[in-house]
C-alpha cells in the first residue's frame, strides 16, 4: 500500500479507520522514497505502533513535482532513510 493510500484509508471515515488503535507494528519498505513529511503524518496517525523502516540511501529519492534545486524540494523532499542516516540511526 502506498503512503498516500495508507493515510487516506486511515483517515476519519476511511476503510481502515477502525483499525488504527489495533496496529502495533508498521513496516515501511523502500523507505528512501517516503518523504519526511509523509512519514511524520504516518507516525502521528500511528503513535502507539512500532515503526520499522527498510531501505537504503542508494535507492530512489522521493518523487517531487518541482526541480530538486528548488527550495521546496530541498526542504521537504528528503526521504526517511536520509533523515535517519543524518541522525546516525541504524
C-alpha atoms as a PDB file:
ATOM      1  CA  UNK A   1       0.000   0.000   0.000  1.00  0.00           C
ATOM      2  CA  UNK A   2       1.342   3.450  -0.807  1.00  0.00           C
ATOM      3  CA  UNK A   3       1.845   6.050   1.909  1.00  0.00           C
ATOM      4  CA  UNK A   4      -0.911   8.211   0.408  1.00  0.00           C
ATOM      5  CA  UNK A   5      -3.297   5.259   0.347  1.00  0.00           C
ATOM      6  CA  UNK A   6      -2.461   4.391   3.955  1.00  0.00           C
ATOM      7  CA  UNK A   7      -3.150   7.950   5.074  1.00  0.00           C
ATOM      8  CA  UNK A   8      -6.406   8.112   3.090  1.00  0.00           C
ATOM      9  CA  UNK A   9      -7.709   4.753   4.296  1.00  0.00           C
ATOM     10  CA  UNK A  10      -6.927   5.509   7.936  1.00  0.00           C
ATOM     11  CA  UNK A  11      -8.472   8.989   7.921  1.00  0.00           C
ATOM     12  CA  UNK A  12     -11.824   9.527   9.641  1.00  0.00           C
ATOM     13  CA  UNK A  13     -14.384   7.659   7.542  1.00  0.00           C
ATOM     14  CA  UNK A  14     -11.680   5.630   5.749  1.00  0.00           C
ATOM     15  CA  UNK A  15     -11.893   1.858   5.298  1.00  0.00           C
ATOM     16  CA  UNK A  16      -9.204   1.156   7.907  1.00  0.00           C
ATOM     17  CA  UNK A  17     -10.004   3.931  10.395  1.00  0.00           C
ATOM     18  CA  UNK A  18     -11.430   1.500  12.968  1.00  0.00           C
ATOM     19  CA  UNK A  19      -8.160  -0.483  12.966  1.00  0.00           C
ATOM     20  CA  UNK A  20      -5.903   2.432  13.965  1.00  0.00           C
ATOM     21  CA  UNK A  21      -5.830   1.540  17.654  1.00  0.00           C
ATOM     22  CA  UNK A  22      -5.066  -2.143  16.991  1.00  0.00           C
ATOM     23  CA  UNK A  23      -1.975  -1.610  14.829  1.00  0.00           C
ATOM     24  CA  UNK A  24       1.139  -2.424  16.867  1.00  0.00           C
ATOM     25  CA  UNK A  25       3.777  -2.687  14.100  1.00  0.00           C
ATOM     26  CA  UNK A  26       4.071  -0.740  10.866  1.00  0.00           C
ATOM     27  CA  UNK A  27       6.695  -1.875   8.338  1.00  0.00           C
ATOM     28  CA  UNK A  28       7.713   0.559   5.596  1.00  0.00           C
ATOM     29  CA  UNK A  29       9.749  -0.780   2.673  1.00  0.00           C
ATOM     30  CA  UNK A  30      11.590   1.394   0.132  1.00  0.00           C
ATOM     31  CA  UNK A  31      11.831   3.993   2.902  1.00  0.00           C
ATOM     32  CA  UNK A  32      14.184   6.209   0.913  1.00  0.00           C
ATOM     33  CA  UNK A  33      11.167   7.019  -1.287  1.00  0.00           C
ATOM     34  CA  UNK A  34       8.936   8.044   1.637  1.00  0.00           C
ATOM     35  CA  UNK A  35       9.049  11.825   2.037  1.00  0.00           C
ATOM     36  CA  UNK A  36       9.854  13.031   5.532  1.00  0.00           C
ATOM     37  CA  UNK A  37       6.516  14.858   5.727  1.00  0.00           C
ATOM     38  CA  UNK A  38       4.573  11.687   4.853  1.00  0.00           C
ATOM     39  CA  UNK A  39       6.450   9.708   7.490  1.00  0.00           C
ATOM     40  CA  UNK A  40       5.649  12.346  10.113  1.00  0.00           C
ATOM     41  CA  UNK A  41       1.969  12.098   9.152  1.00  0.00           C
ATOM     42  CA  UNK A  42       2.082   8.292   9.389  1.00  0.00           C
ATOM     43  CA  UNK A  43       3.900   8.354  12.736  1.00  0.00           C
ATOM     44  CA  UNK A  44       1.308  10.812  14.045  1.00  0.00           C
ATOM     45  CA  UNK A  45      -1.524   8.618  12.826  1.00  0.00           C
ATOM     46  CA  UNK A  46       0.006   5.503  14.448  1.00  0.00           C
ATOM     47  CA  UNK A  47       1.645   6.831  17.643  1.00  0.00           C
ATOM     48  CA  UNK A  48       1.349   3.528  19.525  1.00  0.00           C
ATOM     49  CA  UNK A  49       2.856   1.400  16.729  1.00  0.00           C
ATOM     50  CA  UNK A  50       6.485   0.341  16.423  1.00  0.00           C
ATOM     51  CA  UNK A  51       7.771   1.710  13.117  1.00  0.00           C
ATOM     52  CA  UNK A  52      10.227  -0.420  11.151  1.00  0.00           C
ATOM     53  CA  UNK A  53      11.743   1.193   8.061  1.00  0.00           C
ATOM     54  CA  UNK A  54      13.614  -0.791   5.432  1.00  0.00           C
ATOM     55  CA  UNK A  55      15.707   0.676   2.641  1.00  0.00           C
ATOM     56  CA  UNK A  56      18.993   2.324   1.822  1.00  0.00           C
ATOM     57  CA  UNK A  57      20.221   5.726   0.738  1.00  0.00           C
ATOM     58  CA  UNK A  58      21.232   4.464  -2.709  1.00  0.00           C
ATOM     59  CA  UNK A  59      17.628   3.788  -3.701  1.00  0.00           C
ATOM     60  CA  UNK A  60      15.380   6.278  -5.476  1.00  0.00           C
ATOM     61  CA  UNK A  61      14.612   9.537  -3.707  1.00  0.00           C
ATOM     62  CA  UNK A  62      11.040  10.686  -3.043  1.00  0.00           C
ATOM     63  CA  UNK A  63       9.182  11.896  -6.126  1.00  0.00           C
ATOM     64  CA  UNK A  64       8.595  15.647  -6.118  1.00  0.00           C
ATOM     65  CA  UNK A  65       6.858  17.778  -8.739  1.00  0.00           C
ATOM     66  CA  UNK A  66       9.400  20.575  -8.759  1.00  0.00           C
ATOM     67  CA  UNK A  67      13.094  20.809  -9.613  1.00  0.00           C
ATOM     68  CA  UNK A  68      15.354  19.216  -6.983  1.00  0.00           C
ATOM     69  CA  UNK A  69      17.248  22.520  -6.784  1.00  0.00           C
ATOM     70  CA  UNK A  70      14.117  24.432  -5.708  1.00  0.00           C
ATOM     71  CA  UNK A  71      13.641  25.454  -2.085  1.00  0.00           C
ATOM     72  CA  UNK A  72      10.516  23.288  -1.505  1.00  0.00           C
ATOM     73  CA  UNK A  73      12.348  20.216  -2.777  1.00  0.00           C
ATOM     74  CA  UNK A  74      15.396  20.945  -0.644  1.00  0.00           C
ATOM     75  CA  UNK A  75      13.323  21.484   2.497  1.00  0.00           C
ATOM     76  CA  UNK A  76      10.610  18.889   2.119  1.00  0.00           C
ATOM     77  CA  UNK A  77      11.706  16.101  -0.156  1.00  0.00           C
ATOM     78  CA  UNK A  78      14.159  14.210   1.999  1.00  0.00           C
ATOM     79  CA  UNK A  79      13.491  10.518   2.272  1.00  0.00           C
ATOM     80  CA  UNK A  80      13.129   8.778   5.614  1.00  0.00           C
ATOM     81  CA  UNK A  81      16.394   6.849   5.148  1.00  0.00           C
ATOM     82  CA  UNK A  82      18.270  10.116   4.512  1.00  0.00           C
ATOM     83  CA  UNK A  83      16.832  11.639   7.692  1.00  0.00           C
ATOM     84  CA  UNK A  84      17.747   8.564   9.753  1.00  0.00           C
ATOM     85  CA  UNK A  85      21.255   8.358   8.263  1.00  0.00           C
ATOM     86  CA  UNK A  86      21.943  12.003   9.106  1.00  0.00           C
ATOM     87  CA  UNK A  87      20.972  11.250  12.705  1.00  0.00           C
ATOM     88  CA  UNK A  88      23.137   8.103  12.717  1.00  0.00           C
ATOM     89  CA  UNK A  89      20.147   5.840  13.406  1.00  0.00           C
ATOM     90  CA  UNK A  90      20.523   2.248  12.269  1.00  0.00           C
END
